[in-house]
Amino acid sequence: METQRLVLPEDLNHFGFLFGGRLLAWVDEACWIAASLDYPHCQFVTIGMDGVEFRHSVRQGTILSIHCTKEKEGASSVSYKVEVFNRRNPGAPPIFTTLVTYVSVDDTGRKRAIR
């Protein structure tokens, strides 16, 4: 799955760069949507992001492209590889990558099989 985000003034820190936490929220949301579309009968919660490292700063007006690809499926969990690119700089390496893992839960918050 792929989605885009426009970096607006309210997304910036006091130095004029994108807040890292804002990008993490966008990544989590994009992956959650991907997981929910892949497994529409499941209720997912985030259990982890691996290797959070911001490789390049991002300025206002940047259009980000967030790519989510399913990497691993377990009995009650699923993981997605995420790559974030500057949409206006095709061919450039990603500005951010991580692996996001979700677990399927029931209404009481207990793990539930995804199949």
PDB file of N, CA and C in Angstrom:
ATOM      1  N   MET A   1       0.834  -1.167   0.000  1.00  0.00           N
ATOM      2  CA  MET A   1       0.000   0.000   0.000  1.00  0.00           C
ATOM      3  C   MET A   1       0.886   1.240   0.000  1.00  0.00           C
ATOM      4  N   GLU A   2       0.405   2.274  -0.624  1.00  0.00           N
ATOM      5  CA  GLU A   2       1.147   3.538  -0.672  1.00  0.00           C
ATOM      6  C   GLU A   2       0.186   4.684  -0.372  1.00  0.00           C
ATOM      7  N   THR A   3       0.688   5.653   0.368  1.00  0.00           N
ATOM      8  CA  THR A   3      -0.076   6.868   0.643  1.00  0.00           C
ATOM      9  C   THR A   3       0.889   8.052   0.645  1.00  0.00           C
ATOM     10  N   GLN A   4       0.345   9.234   0.509  1.00  0.00           N
ATOM     11  CA  GLN A   4       1.172  10.445   0.519  1.00  0.00           C
ATOM     12  C   GLN A   4       0.724  11.380   1.642  1.00  0.00           C
ATOM     13  N   ARG A   5       1.685  12.175   2.118  1.00  0.00           N
ATOM     14  CA  ARG A   5       1.413  13.217   3.113  1.00  0.00           C
ATOM     15  C   ARG A   5       2.143  14.483   2.699  1.00  0.00           C
ATOM     16  N   LEU A   6       1.481  15.605   2.889  1.00  0.00           N
ATOM     17  CA  LEU A   6       2.091  16.915   2.655  1.00  0.00           C
ATOM     18  C   LEU A   6       2.540  17.473   3.994  1.00  0.00           C
ATOM     19  N   VAL A   7       3.795  17.900   4.079  1.00  0.00           N
ATOM     20  CA  VAL A   7       4.331  18.461   5.319  1.00  0.00           C
ATOM     21  C   VAL A   7       3.904  19.927   5.398  1.00  0.00           C
ATOM     22  N   LEU A   8       3.100  20.230   6.400  1.00  0.00           N
ATOM     23  CA  LEU A   8       2.534  21.560   6.617  1.00  0.00           C
ATOM     24  C   LEU A   8       3.231  22.261   7.787  1.00  0.00           C
ATOM     25  N   PRO A   9       3.025  23.579   7.943  1.00  0.00           N
ATOM     26  CA  PRO A   9       3.695  24.312   9.033  1.00  0.00           C
ATOM     27  C   PRO A   9       3.450  23.708  10.417  1.00  0.00           C
ATOM     28  N   GLU A  10       2.249  23.193  10.663  1.00  0.00           N
ATOM     29  CA  GLU A  10       1.945  22.634  11.985  1.00  0.00           C
ATOM     30  C   GLU A  10       2.657  21.300  12.245  1.00  0.00           C
ATOM     31  N   ASP A  11       3.321  20.742  11.224  1.00  0.00           N
ATOM     32  CA  ASP A  11       4.066  19.492  11.368  1.00  0.00           C
ATOM     33  C   ASP A  11       5.531  19.722  11.723  1.00  0.00           C
ATOM     34  N   LEU A  12       5.949  20.990  11.807  1.00  0.00           N
ATOM     35  CA  LEU A  12       7.364  21.331  11.982  1.00  0.00           C
ATOM     36  C   LEU A  12       7.726  21.611  13.433  1.00  0.00           C
ATOM     37  N   ASN A  13       8.993  21.354  13.745  1.00  0.00           N
ATOM     38  CA  ASN A  13       9.504  21.721  15.061  1.00  0.00           C
ATOM     39  C   ASN A  13      10.001  23.173  15.035  1.00  0.00           C
ATOM     40  N   HIS A  14      10.578  23.637  16.125  1.00  0.00           N
ATOM     41  CA  HIS A  14      11.013  25.030  16.223  1.00  0.00           C
ATOM     42  C   HIS A  14      12.230  25.350  15.346  1.00  0.00           C
ATOM     43  N   PHE A  15      12.845  24.334  14.743  1.00  0.00           N
ATOM     44  CA  PHE A  15      13.949  24.554  13.814  1.00  0.00           C
ATOM     45  C   PHE A  15      13.484  24.527  12.354  1.00  0.00           C
ATOM     46  N   GLY A  16      12.186  24.285  12.140  1.00  0.00           N
ATOM     47  CA  GLY A  16      11.648  24.269  10.787  1.00  0.00           C
ATOM     48  C   GLY A  16      11.708  22.932  10.075  1.00  0.00           C
ATOM     49  N   PHE A  17      11.950  21.884  10.832  1.00  0.00           N
ATOM     50  CA  PHE A  17      11.996  20.536  10.263  1.00  0.00           C
ATOM     51  C   PHE A  17      10.819  19.716  10.782  1.00  0.00           C
ATOM     52  N   LEU A  18      10.466  18.674  10.032  1.00  0.00           N
ATOM     53  CA  LEU A  18       9.365  17.791  10.427  1.00  0.00           C
ATOM     54  C   LEU A  18       9.640  17.150  11.780  1.00  0.00           C
ATOM     55  N   PHE A  19       8.648  17.205  12.674  1.00  0.00           N
ATOM     56  CA  PHE A  19       8.739  16.504  13.952  1.00  0.00           C
ATOM     57  C   PHE A  19       8.860  15.005  13.679  1.00  0.00           C
ATOM     58  N   GLY A  20       9.809  14.346  14.330  1.00  0.00           N
ATOM     59  CA  GLY A  20       9.956  12.899  14.178  1.00  0.00           C
ATOM     60  C   GLY A  20       8.709  12.157  14.608  1.00  0.00           C
ATOM     61  N   GLY A  21       8.099  12.612  15.697  1.00  0.00           N
ATOM     62  CA  GLY A  21       6.893  11.953  16.198  1.00  0.00           C
ATOM     63  C   GLY A  21       5.727  12.044  15.228  1.00  0.00           C
ATOM     64  N   ARG A  22       5.670  13.126  14.480  1.00  0.00           N
ATOM     65  CA  ARG A  22       4.605  13.279  13.482  1.00  0.00           C
ATOM     66  C   ARG A  22       4.775  12.227  12.381  1.00  0.00           C
ATOM     67  N   LEU A  23       6.024  12.054  11.934  1.00  0.00           N
ATOM     68  CA  LEU A  23       6.284  11.038  10.911  1.00  0.00           C
ATOM     69  C   LEU A  23       5.961   9.642  11.438  1.00  0.00           C
ATOM     70  N   LEU A  24       6.314   9.371  12.688  1.00  0.00           N
ATOM     71  CA  LEU A  24       6.002   8.067  13.272  1.00  0.00           C
ATOM     72  C   LEU A  24       4.499   7.828  13.316  1.00  0.00           C
ATOM     73  N   ALA A  25       3.731   8.856  13.629  1.00  0.00           N
ATOM     74  CA  ALA A  25       2.265   8.719  13.647  1.00  0.00           C
ATOM     75  C   ALA A  25       1.739   8.422  12.246  1.00  0.00           C
ATOM     76  N   TRP A  26       2.269   9.110  11.234  1.00  0.00           N
ATOM     77  CA  TRP A  26       1.830   8.869   9.852  1.00  0.00           C
ATOM     78  C   TRP A  26       2.178   7.459   9.410  1.00  0.00           C
ATOM     79  N   VAL A  27       3.368   6.994   9.772  1.00  0.00           N
ATOM     80  CA  VAL A  27       3.794   5.638   9.426  1.00  0.00           C
ATOM     81  C   VAL A  27       2.893   4.615  10.103  1.00  0.00           C
ATOM     82  N   ASP A  28       2.622   4.807  11.382  1.00  0.00           N
ATOM     83  CA  ASP A  28       1.760   3.890  12.126  1.00  0.00           C
ATOM     84  C   ASP A  28       0.365   3.847  11.504  1.00  0.00           C
ATOM     85  N   GLU A  29      -0.176   4.998  11.178  1.00  0.00           N
ATOM     86  CA  GLU A  29      -1.508   5.069  10.582  1.00  0.00           C
ATOM     87  C   GLU A  29      -1.541   4.364   9.217  1.00  0.00           C
ATOM     88  N   ALA A  30      -0.549   4.617   8.379  1.00  0.00           N
ATOM     89  CA  ALA A  30      -0.516   4.004   7.041  1.00  0.00           C
ATOM     90  C   ALA A  30      -0.420   2.485   7.146  1.00  0.00           C
ATOM     91  N   CYS A  31       0.412   1.990   8.047  1.00  0.00           N
ATOM     92  CA  CYS A  31       0.548   0.544   8.207  1.00  0.00           C
ATOM     93  C   CYS A  31      -0.698  -0.075   8.826  1.00  0.00           C
ATOM     94  N   TRP A  32      -1.298   0.616   9.767  1.00  0.00           N
ATOM     95  CA  TRP A  32      -2.532   0.109  10.371  1.00  0.00           C
ATOM     96  C   TRP A  32      -3.620  -0.030   9.299  1.00  0.00           C
ATOM     97  N   ILE A  33      -3.714   0.955   8.409  1.00  0.00           N
ATOM     98  CA  ILE A  33      -4.686   0.879   7.316  1.00  0.00           C
ATOM     99  C   ILE A  33      -4.367  -0.323   6.427  1.00  0.00           C
ATOM    100  N   ALA A  34      -3.093  -0.510   6.082  1.00  0.00           N
ATOM    101  CA  ALA A  34      -2.701  -1.658   5.251  1.00  0.00           C
ATOM    102  C   ALA A  34      -3.093  -2.973   5.924  1.00  0.00           C
ATOM    103  N   ALA A  35      -2.787  -3.109   7.210  1.00  0.00           N
ATOM    104  CA  ALA A  35      -3.133  -4.334   7.942  1.00  0.00           C
ATOM    105  C   ALA A  35      -4.644  -4.528   8.006  1.00  0.00           C
ATOM    106  N   SER A  36      -5.369  -3.458   8.234  1.00  0.00           N
ATOM    107  CA  SER A  36      -6.833  -3.552   8.334  1.00  0.00           C
ATOM    108  C   SER A  36      -7.468  -3.914   6.997  1.00  0.00           C
ATOM    109  N   LEU A  37      -6.865  -3.487   5.894  1.00  0.00           N
ATOM    110  CA  LEU A  37      -7.366  -3.872   4.580  1.00  0.00           C
ATOM    111  C   LEU A  37      -7.005  -5.321   4.256  1.00  0.00           C
ATOM    112  N   ASP A  38      -5.810  -5.745   4.681  1.00  0.00           N
ATOM    113  CA  ASP A  38      -5.388  -7.125   4.442  1.00  0.00           C
ATOM    114  C   ASP A  38      -6.163  -8.122   5.311  1.00  0.00           C
ATOM    115  N   TYR A  39      -6.565  -7.694   6.507  1.00  0.00           N
ATOM    116  CA  TYR A  39      -7.257  -8.556   7.466  1.00  0.00           C
ATOM    117  C   TYR A  39      -8.481  -7.807   8.019  1.00  0.00           C
ATOM    118  N   PRO A  40      -9.519  -7.642   7.223  1.00  0.00           N
ATOM    119  CA  PRO A  40     -10.649  -6.797   7.627  1.00  0.00           C
ATOM    120  C   PRO A  40     -11.420  -7.289   8.858  1.00  0.00           C
ATOM    121  N   HIS A  41     -11.262  -8.533   9.221  1.00  0.00           N
ATOM    122  CA  HIS A  41     -11.961  -9.090  10.377  1.00  0.00           C
ATOM    123  C   HIS A  41     -11.196  -8.887  11.695  1.00  0.00           C
ATOM    124  N   CYS A  42     -10.003  -8.296  11.631  1.00  0.00           N
ATOM    125  CA  CYS A  42      -9.150  -8.154  12.824  1.00  0.00           C
ATOM    126  C   CYS A  42      -9.185  -6.735  13.395  1.00  0.00           C
ATOM    127  N   GLN A  43      -8.936  -6.672  14.701  1.00  0.00           N
ATOM    128  CA  GLN A  43      -8.716  -5.406  15.398  1.00  0.00           C
ATOM    129  C   GLN A  43      -7.232  -5.386  15.769  1.00  0.00           C
ATOM    130  N   PHE A  44      -6.471  -4.464  15.185  1.00  0.00           N
ATOM    131  CA  PHE A  44      -5.031  -4.447  15.408  1.00  0.00           C
ATOM    132  C   PHE A  44      -4.615  -3.346  16.364  1.00  0.00           C
ATOM    133  N   VAL A  45      -3.579  -3.660  17.150  1.00  0.00           N
ATOM    134  CA  VAL A  45      -2.892  -2.663  17.963  1.00  0.00           C
ATOM    135  C   VAL A  45      -1.403  -2.759  17.637  1.00  0.00           C
ATOM    136  N   THR A  46      -0.733  -1.634  17.700  1.00  0.00           N
ATOM    137  CA  THR A  46       0.704  -1.586  17.416  1.00  0.00           C
ATOM    138  C   THR A  46       1.476  -2.151  18.596  1.00  0.00           C
ATOM    139  N   ILE A  47       2.421  -3.052  18.302  1.00  0.00           N
ATOM    140  CA  ILE A  47       3.254  -3.567  19.394  1.00  0.00           C
ATOM    141  C   ILE A  47       4.723  -3.196  19.241  1.00  0.00           C
ATOM    142  N   GLY A  48       5.112  -2.691  18.061  1.00  0.00           N
ATOM    143  CA  GLY A  48       6.505  -2.296  17.942  1.00  0.00           C
ATOM    144  C   GLY A  48       6.878  -1.690  16.614  1.00  0.00           C
ATOM    145  N   MET A  49       7.925  -0.864  16.666  1.00  0.00           N
ATOM    146  CA  MET A  49       8.595  -0.334  15.484  1.00  0.00           C
ATOM    147  C   MET A  49      10.075  -0.619  15.682  1.00  0.00           C
ATOM    148  N   ASP A  50      10.669  -1.280  14.708  1.00  0.00           N
ATOM    149  CA  ASP A  50      12.085  -1.642  14.801  1.00  0.00           C
ATOM    150  C   ASP A  50      12.956  -0.579  14.149  1.00  0.00           C
ATOM    151  N   GLY A  51      14.084  -0.317  14.728  1.00  0.00           N
ATOM    152  CA  GLY A  51      15.099   0.516  14.115  1.00  0.00           C
ATOM    153  C   GLY A  51      14.627   1.874  13.640  1.00  0.00           C
ATOM    154  N   VAL A  52      14.096   2.675  14.526  1.00  0.00           N
ATOM    155  CA  VAL A  52      13.622   4.010  14.159  1.00  0.00           C
ATOM    156  C   VAL A  52      14.834   4.926  13.969  1.00  0.00           C
ATOM    157  N   GLU A  53      15.092   5.287  12.702  1.00  0.00           N
ATOM    158  CA  GLU A  53      16.230   6.149  12.373  1.00  0.00           C
ATOM    159  C   GLU A  53      15.836   7.072  11.225  1.00  0.00           C
ATOM    160  N   PHE A  54      15.955   8.364  11.476  1.00  0.00           N
ATOM    161  CA  PHE A  54      15.626   9.370  10.465  1.00  0.00           C
ATOM    162  C   PHE A  54      16.902   9.679   9.694  1.00  0.00           C
ATOM    163  N   ARG A  55      16.914   9.396   8.393  1.00  0.00           N
ATOM    164  CA  ARG A  55      18.127   9.523   7.586  1.00  0.00           C
ATOM    165  C   ARG A  55      18.317  10.911   6.979  1.00  0.00           C
ATOM    166  N   HIS A  56      17.223  11.661   6.803  1.00  0.00           N
ATOM    167  CA  HIS A  56      17.302  12.995   6.204  1.00  0.00           C
ATOM    168  C   HIS A  56      16.266  13.896   6.867  1.00  0.00           C
ATOM    169  N   SER A  57      16.583  15.178   6.961  1.00  0.00           N
ATOM    170  CA  SER A  57      15.607  16.136   7.483  1.00  0.00           C
ATOM    171  C   SER A  57      14.553  16.409   6.406  1.00  0.00           C
ATOM    172  N   VAL A  58      13.403  16.879   6.858  1.00  0.00           N
ATOM    173  CA  VAL A  58      12.277  17.137   5.949  1.00  0.00           C
ATOM    174  C   VAL A  58      11.747  18.538   6.230  1.00  0.00           C
ATOM    175  N   ARG A  59      11.560  19.309   5.192  1.00  0.00           N
ATOM    176  CA  ARG A  59      11.090  20.692   5.301  1.00  0.00           C
ATOM    177  C   ARG A  59       9.623  20.820   4.916  1.00  0.00           C
ATOM    178  N   GLN A  60       9.036  21.953   5.264  1.00  0.00           N
ATOM    179  CA  GLN A  60       7.661  22.286   4.889  1.00  0.00           C
ATOM    180  C   GLN A  60       7.502  22.202   3.370  1.00  0.00           C
ATOM    181  N   GLY A  61       6.357  21.695   2.938  1.00  0.00           N
ATOM    182  CA  GLY A  61       6.047  21.600   1.521  1.00  0.00           C
ATOM    183  C   GLY A  61       6.484  20.303   0.872  1.00  0.00           C
ATOM    184  N   THR A  62       7.249  19.490   1.600  1.00  0.00           N
ATOM    185  CA  THR A  62       7.677  18.201   1.072  1.00  0.00           C
ATOM    186  C   THR A  62       6.477  17.267   0.974  1.00  0.00           C
ATOM    187  N   ILE A  63       6.387  16.563  -0.134  1.00  0.00           N
ATOM    188  CA  ILE A  63       5.360  15.528  -0.285  1.00  0.00           C
ATOM    189  C   ILE A  63       6.046  14.199   0.003  1.00  0.00           C
ATOM    190  N   LEU A  64       5.573  13.537   1.041  1.00  0.00           N
ATOM    191  CA  LEU A  64       6.144  12.253   1.429  1.00  0.00           C
ATOM    192  C   LEU A  64       5.307  11.118   0.861  1.00  0.00           C
ATOM    193  N   SER A  65       5.970  10.087   0.402  1.00  0.00           N
ATOM    194  CA  SER A  65       5.322   8.872  -0.070  1.00  0.00           C
ATOM    195  C   SER A  65       5.653   7.765   0.920  1.00  0.00           C
ATOM    196  N   ILE A  66       4.627   7.164   1.508  1.00  0.00           N
ATOM    197  CA  ILE A  66       4.803   6.131   2.532  1.00  0.00           C
ATOM    198  C   ILE A  66       4.399   4.789   1.932  1.00  0.00           C
ATOM    199  N   HIS A  67       5.370   3.883   1.813  1.00  0.00           N
ATOM    200  CA  HIS A  67       5.144   2.562   1.231  1.00  0.00           C
ATOM    201  C   HIS A  67       5.122   1.519   2.350  1.00  0.00           C
ATOM    202  N   CYS A  68       4.064   0.718   2.405  1.00  0.00           N
ATOM    203  CA  CYS A  68       3.938  -0.344   3.404  1.00  0.00           C
ATOM    204  C   CYS A  68       3.816  -1.685   2.681  1.00  0.00           C
ATOM    205  N   THR A  69       4.704  -2.621   3.025  1.00  0.00           N
ATOM    206  CA  THR A  69       4.725  -3.936   2.392  1.00  0.00           C
ATOM    207  C   THR A  69       4.718  -5.012   3.476  1.00  0.00           C
ATOM    208  N   LYS A  70       3.785  -5.954   3.375  1.00  0.00           N
ATOM    209  CA  LYS A  70       3.724  -7.025   4.371  1.00  0.00           C
ATOM    210  C   LYS A  70       4.999  -7.854   4.301  1.00  0.00           C
ATOM    211  N   GLU A  71       5.632  -8.056   5.455  1.00  0.00           N
ATOM    212  CA  GLU A  71       6.884  -8.800   5.543  1.00  0.00           C
ATOM    213  C   GLU A  71       6.719 -10.162   6.193  1.00  0.00           C
ATOM    214  N   LYS A  72       5.896 -10.224   7.241  1.00  0.00           N
ATOM    215  CA  LYS A  72       5.822 -11.458   8.031  1.00  0.00           C
ATOM    216  C   LYS A  72       4.431 -11.588   8.640  1.00  0.00           C
ATOM    217  N   GLU A  73       3.923 -12.801   8.614  1.00  0.00           N
ATOM    218  CA  GLU A  73       2.635 -13.085   9.254  1.00  0.00           C
ATOM    219  C   GLU A  73       2.841 -14.181  10.289  1.00  0.00           C
ATOM    220  N   GLY A  74       2.359 -13.924  11.499  1.00  0.00           N
ATOM    221  CA  GLY A  74       2.402 -14.925  12.552  1.00  0.00           C
ATOM    222  C   GLY A  74       0.997 -15.398  12.854  1.00  0.00           C
ATOM    223  N   ALA A  75       0.833 -16.125  13.938  1.00  0.00           N
ATOM    224  CA  ALA A  75      -0.488 -16.639  14.310  1.00  0.00           C
ATOM    225  C   ALA A  75      -1.440 -15.507  14.693  1.00  0.00           C
ATOM    226  N   SER A  76      -0.927 -14.519  15.427  1.00  0.00           N
ATOM    227  CA  SER A  76      -1.786 -13.407  15.864  1.00  0.00           C
ATOM    228  C   SER A  76      -1.196 -12.044  15.514  1.00  0.00           C
ATOM    229  N   SER A  77      -0.083 -12.035  14.787  1.00  0.00           N
ATOM    230  CA  SER A  77       0.577 -10.764  14.478  1.00  0.00           C
ATOM    231  C   SER A  77       0.959 -10.691  13.003  1.00  0.00           C
ATOM    232  N   VAL A  78       1.222  -9.467  12.570  1.00  0.00           N
ATOM    233  CA  VAL A  78       1.673  -9.222  11.204  1.00  0.00           C
ATOM    234  C   VAL A  78       2.622  -8.023  11.234  1.00  0.00           C
ATOM    235  N   SER A  79       3.660  -8.091  10.393  1.00  0.00           N
ATOM    236  CA  SER A  79       4.654  -7.022  10.333  1.00  0.00           C
ATOM    237  C   SER A  79       4.723  -6.457   8.924  1.00  0.00           C
ATOM    238  N   TYR A  80       4.935  -5.132   8.863  1.00  0.00           N
ATOM    239  CA  TYR A  80       5.034  -4.422   7.595  1.00  0.00           C
ATOM    240  C   TYR A  80       6.335  -3.643   7.527  1.00  0.00           C
ATOM    241  N   LYS A  81       7.011  -3.778   6.385  1.00  0.00           N
ATOM    242  CA  LYS A  81       8.186  -2.956   6.118  1.00  0.00           C
ATOM    243  C   LYS A  81       7.675  -1.617   5.600  1.00  0.00           C
ATOM    244  N   VAL A  82       8.250  -0.542   6.120  1.00  0.00           N
ATOM    245  CA  VAL A  82       7.837   0.799   5.715  1.00  0.00           C
ATOM    246  C   VAL A  82       9.045   1.546   5.166  1.00  0.00           C
ATOM    247  N   GLU A  83       8.828   2.207   4.045  1.00  0.00           N
ATOM    248  CA  GLU A  83       9.831   3.089   3.472  1.00  0.00           C
ATOM    249  C   GLU A  83       9.149   4.410   3.167  1.00  0.00           C
ATOM    250  N   VAL A  84       9.782   5.501   3.575  1.00  0.00           N
ATOM    251  CA  VAL A  84       9.243   6.841   3.340  1.00  0.00           C
ATOM    252  C   VAL A  84      10.202   7.579   2.413  1.00  0.00           C
ATOM    253  N   PHE A  85       9.639   8.102   1.323  1.00  0.00           N
ATOM    254  CA  PHE A  85      10.430   8.787   0.302  1.00  0.00           C
ATOM    255  C   PHE A  85       9.951  10.222   0.121  1.00  0.00           C
ATOM    256  N   ASN A  86      10.863  11.054  -0.361  1.00  0.00           N
ATOM    257  CA  ASN A  86      10.483  12.387  -0.823  1.00  0.00           C
ATOM    258  C   ASN A  86       9.926  12.191  -2.231  1.00  0.00           C
ATOM    259  N   ARG A  87       8.650  12.430  -2.407  1.00  0.00           N
ATOM    260  CA  ARG A  87       7.968  12.150  -3.673  1.00  0.00           C
ATOM    261  C   ARG A  87       8.570  12.925  -4.849  1.00  0.00           C
ATOM    262  N   ARG A  88       9.104  14.103  -4.569  1.00  0.00           N
ATOM    263  CA  ARG A  88       9.669  14.941  -5.634  1.00  0.00           C
ATOM    264  C   ARG A  88      11.117  14.605  -5.967  1.00  0.00           C
ATOM    265  N   ASN A  89      11.651  13.590  -5.335  1.00  0.00           N
ATOM    266  CA  ASN A  89      13.034  13.197  -5.570  1.00  0.00           C
ATOM    267  C   ASN A  89      13.091  11.703  -5.896  1.00  0.00           C
ATOM    268  N   PRO A  90      12.503  11.314  -7.037  1.00  0.00           N
ATOM    269  CA  PRO A  90      12.470   9.886  -7.377  1.00  0.00           C
ATOM    270  C   PRO A  90      13.873   9.325  -7.548  1.00  0.00           C
ATOM    271  N   GLY A  91      14.038   8.103  -7.119  1.00  0.00           N
ATOM    272  CA  GLY A  91      15.343   7.461  -7.223  1.00  0.00           C
ATOM    273  C   GLY A  91      16.239   7.685  -6.024  1.00  0.00           C
ATOM    274  N   ALA A  92      15.900   8.655  -5.179  1.00  0.00           N
ATOM    275  CA  ALA A  92      16.696   8.912  -3.968  1.00  0.00           C
ATOM    276  C   ALA A  92      16.405   7.824  -2.930  1.00  0.00           C
ATOM    277  N   PRO A  93      17.366   7.555  -2.060  1.00  0.00           N
ATOM    278  CA  PRO A  93      17.107   6.561  -1.016  1.00  0.00           C
ATOM    279  C   PRO A  93      16.011   7.051  -0.068  1.00  0.00           C
ATOM    280  N   PRO A  94      15.382   6.126   0.651  1.00  0.00           N
ATOM    281  CA  PRO A  94      14.322   6.536   1.584  1.00  0.00           C
ATOM    282  C   PRO A  94      14.861   7.433   2.693  1.00  0.00           C
ATOM    283  N   ILE A  95      14.002   8.341   3.158  1.00  0.00           N
ATOM    284  CA  ILE A  95      14.400   9.198   4.278  1.00  0.00           C
ATOM    285  C   ILE A  95      14.156   8.506   5.614  1.00  0.00           C
ATOM    286  N   PHE A  96      13.359   7.430   5.582  1.00  0.00           N
ATOM    287  CA  PHE A  96      13.023   6.713   6.812  1.00  0.00           C
ATOM    288  C   PHE A  96      12.592   5.304   6.443  1.00  0.00           C
ATOM    289  N   THR A  97      13.041   4.319   7.225  1.00  0.00           N
ATOM    290  CA  THR A  97      12.583   2.942   7.077  1.00  0.00           C
ATOM    291  C   THR A  97      12.397   2.343   8.461  1.00  0.00           C
ATOM    292  N   THR A  98      11.487   1.405   8.567  1.00  0.00           N
ATOM    293  CA  THR A  98      11.290   0.681   9.815  1.00  0.00           C
ATOM    294  C   THR A  98      10.443  -0.551   9.535  1.00  0.00           C
ATOM    295  N   LEU A  99      10.263  -1.372  10.528  1.00  0.00           N
ATOM    296  CA  LEU A  99       9.366  -2.511  10.490  1.00  0.00           C
ATOM    297  C   LEU A  99       8.346  -2.300  11.592  1.00  0.00           C
ATOM    298  N   VAL A 100       7.066  -2.290  11.234  1.00  0.00           N
ATOM    299  CA  VAL A 100       5.998  -2.071  12.205  1.00  0.00           C
ATOM    300  C   VAL A 100       5.255  -3.385  12.406  1.00  0.00           C
ATOM    301  N   THR A 101       5.035  -3.751  13.674  1.00  0.00           N
ATOM    302  CA  THR A 101       4.348  -5.007  13.992  1.00  0.00           C
ATOM    303  C   THR A 101       3.057  -4.722  14.749  1.00  0.00           C
ATOM    304  N   TYR A 102       2.008  -5.420  14.325  1.00  0.00           N
ATOM    305  CA  TYR A 102       0.685  -5.313  14.935  1.00  0.00           C
ATOM    306  C   TYR A 102       0.267  -6.676  15.459  1.00  0.00           C
ATOM    307  N   VAL A 103      -0.534  -6.660  16.506  1.00  0.00           N
ATOM    308  CA  VAL A 103      -1.135  -7.891  17.002  1.00  0.00           C
ATOM    309  C   VAL A 103      -2.652  -7.722  16.950  1.00  0.00           C
ATOM    310  N   SER A 104      -3.313  -8.801  16.588  1.00  0.00           N
ATOM    311  CA  SER A 104      -4.776  -8.814  16.542  1.00  0.00           C
ATOM    312  C   SER A 104      -5.295  -9.103  17.946  1.00  0.00           C
ATOM    313  N   VAL A 105      -6.267  -8.324  18.381  1.00  0.00           N
ATOM    314  CA  VAL A 105      -6.834  -8.509  19.722  1.00  0.00           C
ATOM    315  C   VAL A 105      -8.356  -8.613  19.649  1.00  0.00           C
ATOM    316  N   ASP A 106      -8.922  -9.240  20.672  1.00  0.00           N
ATOM    317  CA  ASP A 106     -10.379  -9.305  20.772  1.00  0.00           C
ATOM    318  C   ASP A 106     -10.883  -8.092  21.547  1.00  0.00           C
ATOM    319  N   ASP A 107     -12.158  -8.053  21.847  1.00  0.00           N
ATOM    320  CA  ASP A 107     -12.755  -6.898  22.526  1.00  0.00           C
ATOM    321  C   ASP A 107     -12.229  -6.678  23.940  1.00  0.00           C
ATOM    322  N   THR A 108     -11.612  -7.710  24.535  1.00  0.00           N
ATOM    323  CA  THR A 108     -11.063  -7.559  25.887  1.00  0.00           C
ATOM    324  C   THR A 108      -9.567  -7.246  25.862  1.00  0.00           C
ATOM    325  N   GLY A 109      -8.978  -7.179  24.653  1.00  0.00           N
ATOM    326  CA  GLY A 109      -7.566  -6.863  24.528  1.00  0.00           C
ATOM    327  C   GLY A 109      -6.661  -8.075  24.506  1.00  0.00           C
ATOM    328  N   ARG A 110      -7.217  -9.267  24.450  1.00  0.00           N
ATOM    329  CA  ARG A 110      -6.398 -10.486  24.390  1.00  0.00           C
ATOM    330  C   ARG A 110      -6.061 -10.825  22.945  1.00  0.00           C
ATOM    331  N   LYS A 111      -4.888 -11.413  22.756  1.00  0.00           N
ATOM    332  CA  LYS A 111      -4.456 -11.815  21.422  1.00  0.00           C
ATOM    333  C   LYS A 111      -5.507 -12.714  20.782  1.00  0.00           C
ATOM    334  N   ARG A 112      -5.652 -12.534  19.469  1.00  0.00           N
ATOM    335  CA  ARG A 112      -6.601 -13.334  18.707  1.00  0.00           C
ATOM    336  C   ARG A 112      -5.947 -13.714  17.385  1.00  0.00           C
ATOM    337  N   ALA A 113      -6.180 -14.916  16.925  1.00  0.00           N
ATOM    338  CA  ALA A 113      -5.602 -15.392  15.664  1.00  0.00           C
ATOM    339  C   ALA A 113      -6.071 -14.506  14.506  1.00  0.00           C
ATOM    340  N   ILE A 114      -5.170 -14.299  13.537  1.00  0.00           N
ATOM    341  CA  ILE A 114      -5.543 -13.470  12.390  1.00  0.00           C
ATOM    342  C   ILE A 114      -6.165 -14.298  11.265  1.00  0.00           C
ATOM    343  N   ARG A 115      -6.081 -15.597  11.352  1.00  0.00           N
ATOM    344  CA  ARG A 115      -6.702 -16.479  10.335  1.00  0.00           C
ATOM    345  C   ARG A 115      -7.792 -17.294  10.971  1.00  0.00           C
TER     346      ARG A 115
END
